[in-house]
Amino acid sequence: MDEAERLYPRVLARMMQLMREVDEHGDGGPASERAAEDIGRLTSKTVEPSELLYAWESEGEEVVAFRLSLPDPPVVEDISFAELTTLVHRAMTHSVPTADGFAGSFGPYLDRWYAALLRRNCTRYRPQLFNRRRSPGGDWYDPSTEEIATAISPRDS
């Protein structure tokens, strides 16, 4: 979270500059390409101009700047089942430990980061595993945290 907090003001400033340019000169074009390149240099990520504008329109510049400021999730060599269950729970509920300041403001927007962390560390990860399911009896139910963690666990549980 420290890296995101450090990068966030610069990414947000560049997003705000892009929004002013779009307001003044119309949508996209060279302005969004330059902004995507600038933000890509700041974050060491590939940023597509169209994604930048779409994300801004759907989530707002603060959330987009936060998501772009986050580092890529790490590879975890030996993740325990308890840790995996906690990560699945956070991805399912968008809940994170209570925090103040920067972390507290953006904690609810870590959902995609947790999904990327699970995808990166669990070869059996599939977003569909989080969806409602039908039981053999025909009733619909939401899978439990443990059920999903067992399904994606890198080791046989």
N, C-alpha and C. Protein backbone atom coordinates (compact mmCIF):
# COMPACT_ATOMS: atom_id res chain seq x y z
N MET A 1 0.83 -1.19 0.00
CA MET A 1 0.00 0.00 0.00
C MET A 1 0.87 1.25 0.00
N ASP A 2 2.10 1.13 0.51
CA ASP A 2 3.00 2.28 0.55
C ASP A 2 3.32 2.80 -0.85
N GLU A 3 3.57 1.86 -1.77
CA GLU A 3 3.87 2.27 -3.15
C GLU A 3 2.67 2.97 -3.77
N ALA A 4 1.49 2.45 -3.54
CA ALA A 4 0.29 3.09 -4.08
C ALA A 4 0.11 4.49 -3.51
N GLU A 5 0.35 4.63 -2.22
CA GLU A 5 0.20 5.94 -1.59
C GLU A 5 1.22 6.93 -2.13
N ARG A 6 2.41 6.44 -2.45
CA ARG A 6 3.46 7.30 -3.00
C ARG A 6 3.13 7.73 -4.44
N LEU A 7 2.64 6.80 -5.25
CA LEU A 7 2.35 7.10 -6.66
C LEU A 7 1.03 7.82 -6.88
N TYR A 8 0.09 7.57 -6.00
CA TYR A 8 -1.28 8.06 -6.19
C TYR A 8 -1.38 9.56 -6.53
N PRO A 9 -0.74 10.46 -5.79
CA PRO A 9 -0.91 11.89 -6.11
C PRO A 9 -0.47 12.23 -7.53
N ARG A 10 0.61 11.62 -8.01
CA ARG A 10 1.09 11.92 -9.36
C ARG A 10 0.18 11.33 -10.43
N VAL A 11 -0.30 10.11 -10.18
CA VAL A 11 -1.22 9.49 -11.13
C VAL A 11 -2.53 10.26 -11.17
N LEU A 12 -3.03 10.64 -10.00
CA LEU A 12 -4.27 11.41 -9.94
C LEU A 12 -4.10 12.77 -10.65
N ALA A 13 -2.99 13.43 -10.44
CA ALA A 13 -2.75 14.72 -11.09
C ALA A 13 -2.76 14.56 -12.61
N ARG A 14 -2.16 13.48 -13.10
CA ARG A 14 -2.13 13.25 -14.55
C ARG A 14 -3.52 12.92 -15.07
N MET A 15 -4.29 12.17 -14.29
CA MET A 15 -5.67 11.87 -14.67
C MET A 15 -6.49 13.17 -14.74
N MET A 16 -6.33 14.03 -13.75
CA MET A 16 -7.06 15.29 -13.72
C MET A 16 -6.69 16.17 -14.91
N GLN A 17 -5.40 16.18 -15.25
CA GLN A 17 -4.96 16.95 -16.42
C GLN A 17 -5.62 16.39 -17.68
N LEU A 18 -5.67 15.08 -17.81
CA LEU A 18 -6.33 14.47 -18.97
C LEU A 18 -7.80 14.87 -19.02
N MET A 19 -8.47 14.86 -17.88
CA MET A 19 -9.89 15.21 -17.86
C MET A 19 -10.11 16.66 -18.29
N ARG A 20 -9.22 17.56 -17.89
CA ARG A 20 -9.30 18.95 -18.34
C ARG A 20 -9.11 19.04 -19.86
N GLU A 21 -8.13 18.29 -20.38
CA GLU A 21 -7.88 18.30 -21.83
C GLU A 21 -9.08 17.74 -22.58
N VAL A 22 -9.70 16.69 -22.06
CA VAL A 22 -10.87 16.11 -22.72
C VAL A 22 -12.02 17.12 -22.68
N ASP A 23 -12.20 17.79 -21.56
CA ASP A 23 -13.26 18.80 -21.47
C ASP A 23 -13.04 19.94 -22.46
N GLU A 24 -11.79 20.37 -22.64
CA GLU A 24 -11.49 21.49 -23.52
C GLU A 24 -11.50 21.13 -25.00
N HIS A 25 -10.94 19.94 -25.33
CA HIS A 25 -10.71 19.62 -26.73
C HIS A 25 -11.50 18.42 -27.24
N GLY A 26 -12.35 17.89 -26.42
CA GLY A 26 -13.10 16.72 -26.86
C GLY A 26 -12.43 15.44 -26.41
N ASP A 27 -13.04 14.39 -26.74
CA ASP A 27 -12.72 13.11 -26.16
C ASP A 27 -11.51 12.43 -26.82
N GLY A 28 -10.66 11.88 -25.96
CA GLY A 28 -9.59 11.00 -26.38
C GLY A 28 -8.51 11.58 -27.24
N GLY A 29 -8.17 10.82 -28.28
CA GLY A 29 -7.14 11.23 -29.21
C GLY A 29 -5.75 11.28 -28.60
N PRO A 30 -4.92 12.20 -29.12
CA PRO A 30 -3.54 12.30 -28.67
C PRO A 30 -3.41 12.58 -27.17
N ALA A 31 -4.35 13.32 -26.60
CA ALA A 31 -4.26 13.65 -25.17
C ALA A 31 -4.33 12.38 -24.32
N SER A 32 -5.25 11.48 -24.66
CA SER A 32 -5.37 10.26 -23.87
C SER A 32 -4.18 9.32 -24.13
N GLU A 33 -3.64 9.35 -25.34
CA GLU A 33 -2.45 8.53 -25.62
C GLU A 33 -1.26 9.02 -24.81
N ARG A 34 -1.08 10.33 -24.74
CA ARG A 34 0.02 10.89 -23.94
C ARG A 34 -0.18 10.59 -22.46
N ALA A 35 -1.40 10.72 -21.99
CA ALA A 35 -1.69 10.45 -20.58
C ALA A 35 -1.42 8.98 -20.26
N ALA A 36 -1.84 8.09 -21.14
CA ALA A 36 -1.61 6.65 -20.92
C ALA A 36 -0.11 6.35 -20.87
N GLU A 37 0.65 6.98 -21.75
CA GLU A 37 2.11 6.79 -21.74
C GLU A 37 2.72 7.34 -20.45
N ASP A 38 2.29 8.53 -20.03
CA ASP A 38 2.82 9.14 -18.80
C ASP A 38 2.50 8.28 -17.58
N ILE A 39 1.26 7.84 -17.49
CA ILE A 39 0.86 7.01 -16.34
C ILE A 39 1.57 5.66 -16.40
N GLY A 40 1.75 5.14 -17.59
CA GLY A 40 2.50 3.89 -17.74
C GLY A 40 3.93 4.02 -17.25
N ARG A 41 4.56 5.15 -17.54
CA ARG A 41 5.93 5.38 -17.05
C ARG A 41 5.95 5.49 -15.52
N LEU A 42 4.97 6.17 -14.96
CA LEU A 42 4.91 6.33 -13.51
C LEU A 42 4.71 4.99 -12.79
N THR A 43 3.85 4.15 -13.36
CA THR A 43 3.44 2.92 -12.66
C THR A 43 4.12 1.66 -13.17
N SER A 44 4.86 1.77 -14.27
CA SER A 44 5.48 0.60 -14.92
C SER A 44 4.43 -0.41 -15.36
N LYS A 45 3.27 0.09 -15.78
CA LYS A 45 2.19 -0.77 -16.27
C LYS A 45 1.84 -0.37 -17.69
N THR A 46 1.26 -1.29 -18.42
CA THR A 46 0.73 -0.98 -19.74
C THR A 46 -0.66 -0.40 -19.54
N VAL A 47 -0.84 0.81 -20.00
CA VAL A 47 -2.11 1.50 -19.84
C VAL A 47 -2.62 1.86 -21.22
N GLU A 48 -3.79 1.38 -21.56
CA GLU A 48 -4.40 1.68 -22.85
C GLU A 48 -5.23 2.95 -22.74
N PRO A 49 -5.12 3.86 -23.70
CA PRO A 49 -5.89 5.11 -23.65
C PRO A 49 -7.39 4.88 -23.52
N SER A 50 -7.92 3.94 -24.29
CA SER A 50 -9.37 3.70 -24.25
C SER A 50 -9.80 3.17 -22.88
N GLU A 51 -8.99 2.31 -22.28
CA GLU A 51 -9.30 1.80 -20.95
C GLU A 51 -9.26 2.91 -19.92
N LEU A 52 -8.33 3.82 -20.09
CA LEU A 52 -8.19 4.95 -19.17
C LEU A 52 -9.46 5.81 -19.18
N LEU A 53 -9.95 6.13 -20.35
CA LEU A 53 -11.16 6.95 -20.45
C LEU A 53 -12.40 6.19 -19.98
N TYR A 54 -12.49 4.92 -20.35
CA TYR A 54 -13.65 4.13 -19.93
C TYR A 54 -13.69 3.98 -18.42
N ALA A 55 -12.54 3.67 -17.83
CA ALA A 55 -12.47 3.49 -16.38
C ALA A 55 -12.82 4.79 -15.67
N TRP A 56 -12.32 5.89 -16.19
CA TRP A 56 -12.62 7.19 -15.58
C TRP A 56 -14.12 7.45 -15.59
N GLU A 57 -14.78 7.16 -16.71
CA GLU A 57 -16.21 7.39 -16.81
C GLU A 57 -17.01 6.48 -15.89
N SER A 58 -16.52 5.27 -15.64
CA SER A 58 -17.29 4.33 -14.84
C SER A 58 -16.99 4.43 -13.35
N GLU A 59 -15.77 4.78 -12.96
CA GLU A 59 -15.41 4.76 -11.55
C GLU A 59 -14.95 6.11 -10.98
N GLY A 60 -14.58 7.00 -11.81
CA GLY A 60 -14.07 8.28 -11.33
C GLY A 60 -12.55 8.26 -11.26
N GLU A 61 -11.97 9.45 -11.37
CA GLU A 61 -10.51 9.53 -11.47
C GLU A 61 -9.79 9.10 -10.19
N GLU A 62 -10.39 9.31 -9.01
CA GLU A 62 -9.71 8.92 -7.77
C GLU A 62 -9.53 7.41 -7.68
N VAL A 63 -10.60 6.67 -7.99
CA VAL A 63 -10.53 5.21 -7.91
C VAL A 63 -9.60 4.66 -8.99
N VAL A 64 -9.70 5.20 -10.20
CA VAL A 64 -8.83 4.75 -11.29
C VAL A 64 -7.36 5.01 -10.93
N ALA A 65 -7.09 6.19 -10.41
CA ALA A 65 -5.70 6.53 -10.02
C ALA A 65 -5.21 5.57 -8.93
N PHE A 66 -6.06 5.24 -7.98
CA PHE A 66 -5.67 4.29 -6.94
C PHE A 66 -5.37 2.92 -7.55
N ARG A 67 -6.27 2.40 -8.36
CA ARG A 67 -6.07 1.07 -8.96
C ARG A 67 -4.77 1.03 -9.78
N LEU A 68 -4.50 2.10 -10.52
CA LEU A 68 -3.28 2.14 -11.33
C LEU A 68 -2.03 2.28 -10.47
N SER A 69 -2.17 2.87 -9.29
CA SER A 69 -1.02 3.08 -8.41
C SER A 69 -0.61 1.82 -7.65
N LEU A 70 -1.51 0.86 -7.57
CA LEU A 70 -1.18 -0.38 -6.84
C LEU A 70 -0.10 -1.16 -7.57
N PRO A 71 0.83 -1.75 -6.83
CA PRO A 71 1.82 -2.61 -7.48
C PRO A 71 1.15 -3.91 -7.94
N ASP A 72 1.79 -4.61 -8.84
CA ASP A 72 1.29 -5.91 -9.24
C ASP A 72 1.34 -6.84 -8.04
N PRO A 73 0.38 -7.75 -7.93
CA PRO A 73 0.40 -8.69 -6.80
C PRO A 73 1.65 -9.58 -6.85
N PRO A 74 2.16 -9.96 -5.68
CA PRO A 74 3.36 -10.79 -5.65
C PRO A 74 3.04 -12.26 -5.91
N VAL A 75 4.07 -13.00 -6.24
CA VAL A 75 3.97 -14.45 -6.29
C VAL A 75 4.29 -14.94 -4.89
N VAL A 76 3.40 -15.76 -4.35
CA VAL A 76 3.57 -16.29 -3.01
C VAL A 76 3.92 -17.76 -3.14
N GLU A 77 5.12 -18.11 -2.71
CA GLU A 77 5.63 -19.47 -2.91
C GLU A 77 4.87 -20.54 -2.14
N ASP A 78 4.58 -20.29 -0.89
CA ASP A 78 3.98 -21.34 -0.07
C ASP A 78 2.81 -20.76 0.72
N ILE A 79 1.70 -20.56 0.03
CA ILE A 79 0.54 -19.96 0.67
C ILE A 79 -0.22 -21.03 1.45
N SER A 80 -0.54 -20.72 2.70
CA SER A 80 -1.27 -21.69 3.53
C SER A 80 -2.76 -21.64 3.17
N PHE A 81 -3.48 -22.68 3.55
CA PHE A 81 -4.91 -22.71 3.28
C PHE A 81 -5.62 -21.59 4.05
N ALA A 82 -5.17 -21.31 5.27
CA ALA A 82 -5.77 -20.23 6.06
C ALA A 82 -5.57 -18.88 5.37
N GLU A 83 -4.37 -18.64 4.84
CA GLU A 83 -4.11 -17.38 4.12
C GLU A 83 -4.96 -17.31 2.85
N LEU A 84 -5.05 -18.43 2.15
CA LEU A 84 -5.84 -18.47 0.93
C LEU A 84 -7.32 -18.18 1.24
N THR A 85 -7.81 -18.76 2.31
CA THR A 85 -9.20 -18.53 2.71
C THR A 85 -9.43 -17.05 3.03
N THR A 86 -8.49 -16.43 3.70
CA THR A 86 -8.60 -15.00 4.01
C THR A 86 -8.64 -14.17 2.73
N LEU A 87 -7.77 -14.50 1.77
CA LEU A 87 -7.75 -13.77 0.50
C LEU A 87 -9.05 -13.94 -0.27
N VAL A 88 -9.57 -15.17 -0.29
CA VAL A 88 -10.85 -15.43 -0.97
C VAL A 88 -11.95 -14.62 -0.30
N HIS A 89 -11.95 -14.60 1.03
CA HIS A 89 -12.96 -13.84 1.77
C HIS A 89 -12.89 -12.35 1.39
N ARG A 90 -11.69 -11.81 1.34
CA ARG A 90 -11.53 -10.40 0.98
C ARG A 90 -11.99 -10.13 -0.44
N ALA A 91 -11.71 -11.06 -1.35
CA ALA A 91 -12.14 -10.89 -2.74
C ALA A 91 -13.66 -10.98 -2.85
N MET A 92 -14.28 -11.83 -2.05
CA MET A 92 -15.73 -12.02 -2.10
C MET A 92 -16.49 -10.86 -1.48
N THR A 93 -15.99 -10.36 -0.38
CA THR A 93 -16.77 -9.40 0.42
C THR A 93 -16.27 -7.97 0.29
N HIS A 94 -15.14 -7.78 -0.36
CA HIS A 94 -14.52 -6.45 -0.47
C HIS A 94 -14.18 -5.89 0.90
N SER A 95 -13.99 -6.79 1.87
CA SER A 95 -13.64 -6.32 3.20
C SER A 95 -12.15 -6.45 3.41
N VAL A 96 -11.61 -5.46 4.03
CA VAL A 96 -10.19 -5.44 4.36
C VAL A 96 -10.08 -5.01 5.81
N PRO A 97 -8.95 -5.29 6.44
CA PRO A 97 -8.80 -4.83 7.81
C PRO A 97 -9.03 -3.32 7.91
N THR A 98 -9.65 -2.91 8.97
CA THR A 98 -9.94 -1.49 9.17
C THR A 98 -8.64 -0.70 9.25
N ALA A 99 -8.64 0.40 8.53
CA ALA A 99 -7.46 1.26 8.53
C ALA A 99 -7.90 2.71 8.42
N ASP A 100 -7.03 3.60 8.80
CA ASP A 100 -7.29 5.02 8.67
C ASP A 100 -6.53 5.57 7.47
N GLY A 101 -6.80 6.80 7.12
CA GLY A 101 -6.04 7.49 6.10
C GLY A 101 -6.22 6.89 4.72
N PHE A 102 -5.13 6.84 3.98
CA PHE A 102 -5.14 6.40 2.59
C PHE A 102 -5.68 4.98 2.46
N ALA A 103 -5.16 4.05 3.26
CA ALA A 103 -5.60 2.65 3.19
C ALA A 103 -7.08 2.52 3.50
N GLY A 104 -7.56 3.28 4.47
CA GLY A 104 -8.96 3.23 4.82
C GLY A 104 -9.87 3.78 3.74
N SER A 105 -9.39 4.78 3.04
CA SER A 105 -10.19 5.39 1.97
C SER A 105 -10.36 4.48 0.77
N PHE A 106 -9.33 3.71 0.46
CA PHE A 106 -9.35 2.94 -0.77
C PHE A 106 -9.45 1.43 -0.57
N GLY A 107 -9.51 0.97 0.66
CA GLY A 107 -9.63 -0.46 0.93
C GLY A 107 -10.71 -1.17 0.15
N PRO A 108 -11.91 -0.60 0.02
CA PRO A 108 -12.97 -1.28 -0.72
C PRO A 108 -12.66 -1.49 -2.21
N TYR A 109 -11.65 -0.80 -2.72
CA TYR A 109 -11.32 -0.92 -4.15
C TYR A 109 -10.16 -1.87 -4.41
N LEU A 110 -9.85 -2.71 -3.44
CA LEU A 110 -8.80 -3.71 -3.62
C LEU A 110 -9.32 -5.00 -4.24
N ASP A 111 -10.61 -5.07 -4.57
CA ASP A 111 -11.21 -6.29 -5.08
C ASP A 111 -10.48 -6.85 -6.30
N ARG A 112 -10.18 -6.01 -7.26
CA ARG A 112 -9.49 -6.49 -8.47
C ARG A 112 -8.06 -6.91 -8.16
N TRP A 113 -7.43 -6.24 -7.21
CA TRP A 113 -6.06 -6.60 -6.83
C TRP A 113 -6.07 -7.99 -6.19
N TYR A 114 -7.03 -8.25 -5.31
CA TYR A 114 -7.12 -9.58 -4.70
C TYR A 114 -7.42 -10.65 -5.75
N ALA A 115 -8.28 -10.35 -6.70
CA ALA A 115 -8.56 -11.30 -7.78
C ALA A 115 -7.29 -11.57 -8.58
N ALA A 116 -6.51 -10.53 -8.87
CA ALA A 116 -5.25 -10.71 -9.61
C ALA A 116 -4.25 -11.52 -8.78
N LEU A 117 -4.23 -11.30 -7.47
CA LEU A 117 -3.34 -12.06 -6.59
C LEU A 117 -3.72 -13.54 -6.62
N LEU A 118 -5.00 -13.84 -6.54
CA LEU A 118 -5.45 -15.24 -6.60
C LEU A 118 -5.15 -15.85 -7.96
N ARG A 119 -5.41 -15.10 -9.03
CA ARG A 119 -5.15 -15.59 -10.39
C ARG A 119 -3.67 -15.90 -10.57
N ARG A 120 -2.83 -15.06 -10.02
CA ARG A 120 -1.38 -15.21 -10.19
C ARG A 120 -0.82 -16.40 -9.40
N ASN A 121 -1.43 -16.71 -8.28
CA ASN A 121 -0.89 -17.73 -7.39
C ASN A 121 -1.65 -19.05 -7.39
N CYS A 122 -2.79 -19.10 -8.03
CA CYS A 122 -3.61 -20.31 -8.03
C CYS A 122 -3.99 -20.64 -9.46
N THR A 123 -3.37 -21.66 -10.02
CA THR A 123 -3.62 -21.99 -11.43
C THR A 123 -5.06 -22.45 -11.66
N ARG A 124 -5.73 -22.90 -10.61
CA ARG A 124 -7.12 -23.34 -10.77
C ARG A 124 -8.13 -22.21 -10.52
N TYR A 125 -7.64 -21.00 -10.34
CA TYR A 125 -8.53 -19.85 -10.12
C TYR A 125 -9.38 -19.61 -11.37
N ARG A 126 -10.65 -19.46 -11.17
CA ARG A 126 -11.59 -19.08 -12.23
C ARG A 126 -12.61 -18.13 -11.60
N PRO A 127 -12.87 -16.98 -12.22
CA PRO A 127 -13.86 -16.05 -11.65
C PRO A 127 -15.23 -16.70 -11.45
N GLN A 128 -15.57 -17.66 -12.30
CA GLN A 128 -16.87 -18.32 -12.22
C GLN A 128 -17.07 -19.06 -10.89
N LEU A 129 -15.98 -19.43 -10.24
CA LEU A 129 -16.09 -20.15 -8.97
C LEU A 129 -16.78 -19.31 -7.90
N PHE A 130 -16.81 -17.99 -8.07
CA PHE A 130 -17.42 -17.09 -7.11
C PHE A 130 -18.93 -16.91 -7.36
N ASN A 131 -19.41 -17.42 -8.49
CA ASN A 131 -20.82 -17.24 -8.86
C ASN A 131 -21.73 -18.19 -8.09
N ARG A 132 -23.02 -17.84 -8.07
CA ARG A 132 -24.03 -18.72 -7.47
C ARG A 132 -24.03 -20.04 -8.21
N ARG A 133 -24.42 -21.09 -7.49
CA ARG A 133 -24.44 -22.44 -8.07
C ARG A 133 -25.76 -23.12 -7.77
N ARG A 134 -26.00 -24.15 -8.51
CA ARG A 134 -27.19 -24.95 -8.28
C ARG A 134 -26.77 -26.26 -7.62
N SER A 135 -27.42 -26.60 -6.54
CA SER A 135 -27.12 -27.85 -5.83
C SER A 135 -27.71 -29.01 -6.62
N PRO A 136 -27.27 -30.24 -6.29
CA PRO A 136 -27.86 -31.41 -6.97
C PRO A 136 -29.38 -31.46 -6.82
N GLY A 137 -29.91 -30.88 -5.74
CA GLY A 137 -31.35 -30.85 -5.53
C GLY A 137 -32.06 -29.76 -6.29
N GLY A 138 -31.31 -28.92 -6.98
CA GLY A 138 -31.90 -27.87 -7.79
C GLY A 138 -31.98 -26.50 -7.13
N ASP A 139 -31.56 -26.39 -5.87
CA ASP A 139 -31.61 -25.11 -5.17
C ASP A 139 -30.36 -24.29 -5.49
N TRP A 140 -30.53 -22.98 -5.55
CA TRP A 140 -29.41 -22.08 -5.78
C TRP A 140 -28.75 -21.73 -4.46
N TYR A 141 -27.44 -21.62 -4.48
CA TYR A 141 -26.71 -21.22 -3.27
C TYR A 141 -25.44 -20.48 -3.67
N ASP A 142 -24.92 -19.69 -2.73
CA ASP A 142 -23.64 -19.02 -2.92
C ASP A 142 -22.56 -19.90 -2.32
N PRO A 143 -21.49 -20.15 -3.07
CA PRO A 143 -20.42 -21.00 -2.52
C PRO A 143 -19.76 -20.32 -1.32
N SER A 144 -19.32 -21.13 -0.39
CA SER A 144 -18.65 -20.60 0.80
C SER A 144 -17.21 -20.23 0.48
N THR A 145 -16.64 -19.44 1.35
CA THR A 145 -15.23 -19.05 1.22
C THR A 145 -14.36 -20.30 1.17
N GLU A 146 -14.63 -21.25 2.07
CA GLU A 146 -13.83 -22.48 2.14
C GLU A 146 -13.98 -23.32 0.88
N GLU A 147 -15.19 -23.36 0.33
CA GLU A 147 -15.44 -24.13 -0.89
C GLU A 147 -14.62 -23.57 -2.05
N ILE A 148 -14.59 -22.25 -2.17
CA ILE A 148 -13.82 -21.61 -3.25
C ILE A 148 -12.33 -21.80 -3.00
N ALA A 149 -11.89 -21.61 -1.76
CA ALA A 149 -10.47 -21.79 -1.43
C ALA A 149 -10.02 -23.21 -1.74
N THR A 150 -10.85 -24.20 -1.44
CA THR A 150 -10.51 -25.58 -1.73
C THR A 150 -10.41 -25.81 -3.24
N ALA A 151 -11.32 -25.20 -3.99
CA ALA A 151 -11.34 -25.38 -5.45
C ALA A 151 -10.10 -24.77 -6.12
N ILE A 152 -9.57 -23.69 -5.57
CA ILE A 152 -8.44 -23.01 -6.23
C ILE A 152 -7.09 -23.29 -5.57
N SER A 153 -7.10 -24.00 -4.46
CA SER A 153 -5.87 -24.23 -3.73
C SER A 153 -4.79 -24.82 -4.62
N PRO A 154 -3.57 -24.27 -4.55
CA PRO A 154 -2.48 -24.79 -5.37
C PRO A 154 -2.05 -26.20 -4.99
N ARG A 155 -2.42 -26.62 -3.80
CA ARG A 155 -2.09 -27.98 -3.39
C ARG A 155 -3.39 -28.73 -3.13
N ASP A 156 -3.34 -30.02 -3.22
CA ASP A 156 -4.53 -30.82 -2.97
C ASP A 156 -4.89 -30.73 -1.50
N SER A 157 -6.12 -30.32 -1.24
CA SER A 157 -6.55 -30.13 0.15
C SER A 157 -7.38 -31.28 0.60
